[in-house]
Amino acid sequence: MNANTLIGWKTLRPMVGNLGRTTWWRLVRAGEAPAPIRISPGRVAWRLTDILDWIASR
């Protein structure tokens, strides 16, 4: 995987531990978690590097 790798919720979920989808979106809205990138209508993904940086900072 490279720095521009995008991951969806199914890949992100195991990485964020016990956080559920609703809790994750609350953190995103509060600015406490990385915001996703819209890749098509109804589909979002996150940059892997943003998620790894977020995990390291916690």
PDB file of N, CA and C in Angstrom:
ATOM      1  N   MET A   1       0.849  -1.183   0.000  1.00  0.00           N
ATOM      2  CA  MET A   1       0.000   0.000   0.000  1.00  0.00           C
ATOM      3  C   MET A   1       0.891   1.241   0.000  1.00  0.00           C
ATOM      4  N   ASN A   2       0.434   2.244  -0.716  1.00  0.00           N
ATOM      5  CA  ASN A   2       1.220   3.475  -0.758  1.00  0.00           C
ATOM      6  C   ASN A   2       0.494   4.597  -0.019  1.00  0.00           C
ATOM      7  N   ALA A   3       1.065   5.761  -0.031  1.00  0.00           N
ATOM      8  CA  ALA A   3       0.534   6.900   0.722  1.00  0.00           C
ATOM      9  C   ALA A   3      -0.841   7.336   0.242  1.00  0.00           C
ATOM     10  N   ASN A   4      -1.187   7.027  -0.995  1.00  0.00           N
ATOM     11  CA  ASN A   4      -2.470   7.459  -1.544  1.00  0.00           C
ATOM     12  C   ASN A   4      -3.546   6.386  -1.470  1.00  0.00           C
ATOM     13  N   THR A   5      -3.296   5.309  -0.759  1.00  0.00           N
ATOM     14  CA  THR A   5      -4.262   4.232  -0.656  1.00  0.00           C
ATOM     15  C   THR A   5      -5.523   4.722   0.045  1.00  0.00           C
ATOM     16  N   LEU A   6      -6.666   4.413  -0.544  1.00  0.00           N
ATOM     17  CA  LEU A   6      -7.953   4.750   0.051  1.00  0.00           C
ATOM     18  C   LEU A   6      -8.581   3.482   0.612  1.00  0.00           C
ATOM     19  N   ILE A   7      -9.186   3.613   1.783  1.00  0.00           N
ATOM     20  CA  ILE A   7      -9.832   2.460   2.399  1.00  0.00           C
ATOM     21  C   ILE A   7     -11.285   2.794   2.719  1.00  0.00           C
ATOM     22  N   GLY A   8     -12.127   1.813   2.628  1.00  0.00           N
ATOM     23  CA  GLY A   8     -13.536   1.965   2.957  1.00  0.00           C
ATOM     24  C   GLY A   8     -13.802   1.561   4.393  1.00  0.00           C
ATOM     25  N   TRP A   9     -15.061   1.645   4.786  1.00  0.00           N
ATOM     26  CA  TRP A   9     -15.448   1.353   6.169  1.00  0.00           C
ATOM     27  C   TRP A   9     -15.090  -0.074   6.568  1.00  0.00           C
ATOM     28  N   LYS A  10     -15.276  -1.045   5.675  1.00  0.00           N
ATOM     29  CA  LYS A  10     -14.994  -2.440   6.026  1.00  0.00           C
ATOM     30  C   LYS A  10     -13.527  -2.657   6.375  1.00  0.00           C
ATOM     31  N   THR A  11     -12.650  -1.902   5.777  1.00  0.00           N
ATOM     32  CA  THR A  11     -11.228  -1.983   6.098  1.00  0.00           C
ATOM     33  C   THR A  11     -10.904  -1.128   7.318  1.00  0.00           C
ATOM     34  N   LEU A  12     -11.567   0.004   7.418  1.00  0.00           N
ATOM     35  CA  LEU A  12     -11.325   0.930   8.532  1.00  0.00           C
ATOM     36  C   LEU A  12     -11.811   0.362   9.856  1.00  0.00           C
ATOM     37  N   ARG A  13     -12.940  -0.288   9.859  1.00  0.00           N
ATOM     38  CA  ARG A  13     -13.584  -0.755  11.094  1.00  0.00           C
ATOM     39  C   ARG A  13     -12.653  -1.538  12.006  1.00  0.00           C
ATOM     40  N   PRO A  14     -11.951  -2.569  11.520  1.00  0.00           N
ATOM     41  CA  PRO A  14     -11.048  -3.293  12.436  1.00  0.00           C
ATOM     42  C   PRO A  14      -9.883  -2.439  12.943  1.00  0.00           C
ATOM     43  N   MET A  15      -9.533  -1.418  12.206  1.00  0.00           N
ATOM     44  CA  MET A  15      -8.404  -0.570  12.597  1.00  0.00           C
ATOM     45  C   MET A  15      -8.751   0.361  13.752  1.00  0.00           C
ATOM     46  N   VAL A  16     -10.032   0.709  13.898  1.00  0.00           N
ATOM     47  CA  VAL A  16     -10.426   1.668  14.929  1.00  0.00           C
ATOM     48  C   VAL A  16     -10.951   0.980  16.187  1.00  0.00           C
ATOM     49  N   GLY A  17     -10.763  -0.314  16.272  1.00  0.00           N
ATOM     50  CA  GLY A  17     -11.094  -1.040  17.492  1.00  0.00           C
ATOM     51  C   GLY A  17     -12.574  -1.153  17.744  1.00  0.00           C
ATOM     52  N   ASN A  18     -12.984  -0.752  18.921  1.00  0.00           N
ATOM     53  CA  ASN A  18     -14.368  -0.957  19.335  1.00  0.00           C
ATOM     54  C   ASN A  18     -15.299   0.190  18.957  1.00  0.00           C
ATOM     55  N   LEU A  19     -14.887   1.064  18.079  1.00  0.00           N
ATOM     56  CA  LEU A  19     -15.754   2.174  17.671  1.00  0.00           C
ATOM     57  C   LEU A  19     -16.739   1.695  16.611  1.00  0.00           C
ATOM     58  N   GLY A  20     -18.001   1.952  16.843  1.00  0.00           N
ATOM     59  CA  GLY A  20     -19.025   1.617  15.862  1.00  0.00           C
ATOM     60  C   GLY A  20     -19.132   2.707  14.809  1.00  0.00           C
ATOM     61  N   ARG A  21     -19.924   2.434  13.800  1.00  0.00           N
ATOM     62  CA  ARG A  21     -20.085   3.372  12.690  1.00  0.00           C
ATOM     63  C   ARG A  21     -20.638   4.719  13.162  1.00  0.00           C
ATOM     64  N   THR A  22     -21.649   4.703  14.010  1.00  0.00           N
ATOM     65  CA  THR A  22     -22.251   5.949  14.484  1.00  0.00           C
ATOM     66  C   THR A  22     -21.254   6.758  15.309  1.00  0.00           C
ATOM     67  N   THR A  23     -20.543   6.091  16.197  1.00  0.00           N
ATOM     68  CA  THR A  23     -19.542   6.780  17.014  1.00  0.00           C
ATOM     69  C   THR A  23     -18.444   7.365  16.136  1.00  0.00           C
ATOM     70  N   TRP A  24     -18.012   6.597  15.134  1.00  0.00           N
ATOM     71  CA  TRP A  24     -16.981   7.093  14.222  1.00  0.00           C
ATOM     72  C   TRP A  24     -17.444   8.366  13.532  1.00  0.00           C
ATOM     73  N   TRP A  25     -18.677   8.361  13.004  1.00  0.00           N
ATOM     74  CA  TRP A  25     -19.174   9.544  12.297  1.00  0.00           C
ATOM     75  C   TRP A  25     -19.327  10.741  13.240  1.00  0.00           C
ATOM     76  N   ARG A  26     -19.648  10.491  14.501  1.00  0.00           N
ATOM     77  CA  ARG A  26     -19.703  11.587  15.477  1.00  0.00           C
ATOM     78  C   ARG A  26     -18.323  12.204  15.665  1.00  0.00           C
ATOM     79  N   LEU A  27     -17.294  11.361  15.725  1.00  0.00           N
ATOM     80  CA  LEU A  27     -15.923  11.867  15.847  1.00  0.00           C
ATOM     81  C   LEU A  27     -15.523  12.669  14.607  1.00  0.00           C
ATOM     82  N   VAL A  28     -15.903  12.194  13.443  1.00  0.00           N
ATOM     83  CA  VAL A  28     -15.593  12.924  12.195  1.00  0.00           C
ATOM     84  C   VAL A  28     -16.270  14.283  12.210  1.00  0.00           C
ATOM     85  N   ARG A  29     -17.563  14.315  12.545  1.00  0.00           N
ATOM     86  CA  ARG A  29     -18.294  15.593  12.576  1.00  0.00           C
ATOM     87  C   ARG A  29     -17.714  16.556  13.600  1.00  0.00           C
ATOM     88  N   ALA A  30     -17.195  16.025  14.698  1.00  0.00           N
ATOM     89  CA  ALA A  30     -16.615  16.873  15.745  1.00  0.00           C
ATOM     90  C   ALA A  30     -15.187  17.296  15.407  1.00  0.00           C
ATOM     91  N   GLY A  31     -14.642  16.793  14.317  1.00  0.00           N
ATOM     92  CA  GLY A  31     -13.279  17.132  13.934  1.00  0.00           C
ATOM     93  C   GLY A  31     -12.226  16.350  14.696  1.00  0.00           C
ATOM     94  N   GLU A  32     -12.639  15.278  15.373  1.00  0.00           N
ATOM     95  CA  GLU A  32     -11.720  14.482  16.175  1.00  0.00           C
ATOM     96  C   GLU A  32     -11.192  13.255  15.442  1.00  0.00           C
ATOM     97  N   ALA A  33     -11.684  13.015  14.233  1.00  0.00           N
ATOM     98  CA  ALA A  33     -11.230  11.892  13.411  1.00  0.00           C
ATOM     99  C   ALA A  33     -11.101  12.386  11.977  1.00  0.00           C
ATOM    100  N   PRO A  34     -10.282  11.730  11.174  1.00  0.00           N
ATOM    101  CA  PRO A  34     -10.093  12.173   9.791  1.00  0.00           C
ATOM    102  C   PRO A  34     -11.389  12.160   8.982  1.00  0.00           C
ATOM    103  N   ALA A  35     -11.558  13.189   8.195  1.00  0.00           N
ATOM    104  CA  ALA A  35     -12.740  13.275   7.332  1.00  0.00           C
ATOM    105  C   ALA A  35     -12.533  12.394   6.101  1.00  0.00           C
ATOM    106  N   PRO A  36     -13.606  11.814   5.601  1.00  0.00           N
ATOM    107  CA  PRO A  36     -13.484  10.975   4.415  1.00  0.00           C
ATOM    108  C   PRO A  36     -13.437  11.811   3.139  1.00  0.00           C
ATOM    109  N   ILE A  37     -13.141  11.121   2.060  1.00  0.00           N
ATOM    110  CA  ILE A  37     -13.150  11.709   0.726  1.00  0.00           C
ATOM    111  C   ILE A  37     -14.317  11.072  -0.018  1.00  0.00           C
ATOM    112  N   ARG A  38     -15.146  11.891  -0.641  1.00  0.00           N
ATOM    113  CA  ARG A  38     -16.258  11.345  -1.415  1.00  0.00           C
ATOM    114  C   ARG A  38     -15.706  10.845  -2.744  1.00  0.00           C
ATOM    115  N   ILE A  39     -15.876   9.549  -3.017  1.00  0.00           N
ATOM    116  CA  ILE A  39     -15.342   8.992  -4.253  1.00  0.00           C
ATOM    117  C   ILE A  39     -16.427   8.753  -5.302  1.00  0.00           C
ATOM    118  N   SER A  40     -17.682   8.751  -4.871  1.00  0.00           N
ATOM    119  CA  SER A  40     -18.824   8.696  -5.785  1.00  0.00           C
ATOM    120  C   SER A  40     -20.064   8.989  -4.952  1.00  0.00           C
ATOM    121  N   PRO A  41     -21.203   9.210  -5.594  1.00  0.00           N
ATOM    122  CA  PRO A  41     -22.410   9.449  -4.803  1.00  0.00           C
ATOM    123  C   PRO A  41     -22.691   8.259  -3.876  1.00  0.00           C
ATOM    124  N   GLY A  42     -22.812   8.539  -2.607  1.00  0.00           N
ATOM    125  CA  GLY A  42     -23.108   7.489  -1.639  1.00  0.00           C
ATOM    126  C   GLY A  42     -21.920   6.637  -1.229  1.00  0.00           C
ATOM    127  N   ARG A  43     -20.722   7.008  -1.626  1.00  0.00           N
ATOM    128  CA  ARG A  43     -19.527   6.218  -1.283  1.00  0.00           C
ATOM    129  C   ARG A  43     -18.406   7.143  -0.837  1.00  0.00           C
ATOM    130  N   VAL A  44     -17.828   6.828   0.321  1.00  0.00           N
ATOM    131  CA  VAL A  44     -16.697   7.593   0.833  1.00  0.00           C
ATOM    132  C   VAL A  44     -15.554   6.641   1.174  1.00  0.00           C
ATOM    133  N   ALA A  45     -14.363   7.199   1.272  1.00  0.00           N
ATOM    134  CA  ALA A  45     -13.181   6.427   1.669  1.00  0.00           C
ATOM    135  C   ALA A  45     -12.246   7.355   2.424  1.00  0.00           C
ATOM    136  N   TRP A  46     -11.331   6.759   3.147  1.00  0.00           N
ATOM    137  CA  TRP A  46     -10.358   7.522   3.917  1.00  0.00           C
ATOM    138  C   TRP A  46      -8.963   7.219   3.408  1.00  0.00           C
ATOM    139  N   ARG A  47      -8.080   8.216   3.500  1.00  0.00           N
ATOM    140  CA  ARG A  47      -6.668   7.990   3.169  1.00  0.00           C
ATOM    141  C   ARG A  47      -6.061   7.141   4.279  1.00  0.00           C
ATOM    142  N   LEU A  48      -5.388   6.094   3.897  1.00  0.00           N
ATOM    143  CA  LEU A  48      -4.776   5.198   4.875  1.00  0.00           C
ATOM    144  C   LEU A  48      -3.796   5.955   5.760  1.00  0.00           C
ATOM    145  N   THR A  49      -3.023   6.853   5.179  1.00  0.00           N
ATOM    146  CA  THR A  49      -2.041   7.593   5.976  1.00  0.00           C
ATOM    147  C   THR A  49      -2.716   8.458   7.034  1.00  0.00           C
ATOM    148  N   ASP A  50      -3.871   9.056   6.703  1.00  0.00           N
ATOM    149  CA  ASP A  50      -4.607   9.865   7.687  1.00  0.00           C
ATOM    150  C   ASP A  50      -5.055   8.992   8.865  1.00  0.00           C
ATOM    151  N   ILE A  51      -5.526   7.797   8.563  1.00  0.00           N
ATOM    152  CA  ILE A  51      -6.001   6.898   9.617  1.00  0.00           C
ATOM    153  C   ILE A  51      -4.841   6.431  10.480  1.00  0.00           C
ATOM    154  N   LEU A  52      -3.733   6.045   9.861  1.00  0.00           N
ATOM    155  CA  LEU A  52      -2.576   5.593  10.631  1.00  0.00           C
ATOM    156  C   LEU A  52      -2.016   6.709  11.511  1.00  0.00           C
ATOM    157  N   ASP A  53      -1.998   7.935  11.001  1.00  0.00           N
ATOM    158  CA  ASP A  53      -1.554   9.085  11.810  1.00  0.00           C
ATOM    159  C   ASP A  53      -2.500   9.313  12.977  1.00  0.00           C
ATOM    160  N   TRP A  54      -3.799   9.186  12.726  1.00  0.00           N
ATOM    161  CA  TRP A  54      -4.808   9.385  13.771  1.00  0.00           C
ATOM    162  C   TRP A  54      -4.637   8.329  14.869  1.00  0.00           C
ATOM    163  N   ILE A  55      -4.447   7.076  14.454  1.00  0.00           N
ATOM    164  CA  ILE A  55      -4.260   5.991  15.435  1.00  0.00           C
ATOM    165  C   ILE A  55      -3.005   6.245  16.256  1.00  0.00           C
ATOM    166  N   ALA A  56      -1.930   6.653  15.614  1.00  0.00           N
ATOM    167  CA  ALA A  56      -0.668   6.908  16.333  1.00  0.00           C
ATOM    168  C   ALA A  56      -0.795   8.045  17.334  1.00  0.00           C
ATOM    169  N   SER A  57      -1.671   8.998  17.049  1.00  0.00           N
ATOM    170  CA  SER A  57      -1.817  10.163  17.933  1.00  0.00           C
ATOM    171  C   SER A  57      -2.718   9.880  19.135  1.00  0.00           C
ATOM    172  N   ARG A  58      -3.393   8.780  19.136  1.00  0.00           N
ATOM    173  CA  ARG A  58      -4.320   8.463  20.239  1.00  0.00           C
ATOM    174  C   ARG A  58      -3.634   7.767  21.365  1.00  0.00           C
TER     175      ARG A  58
END
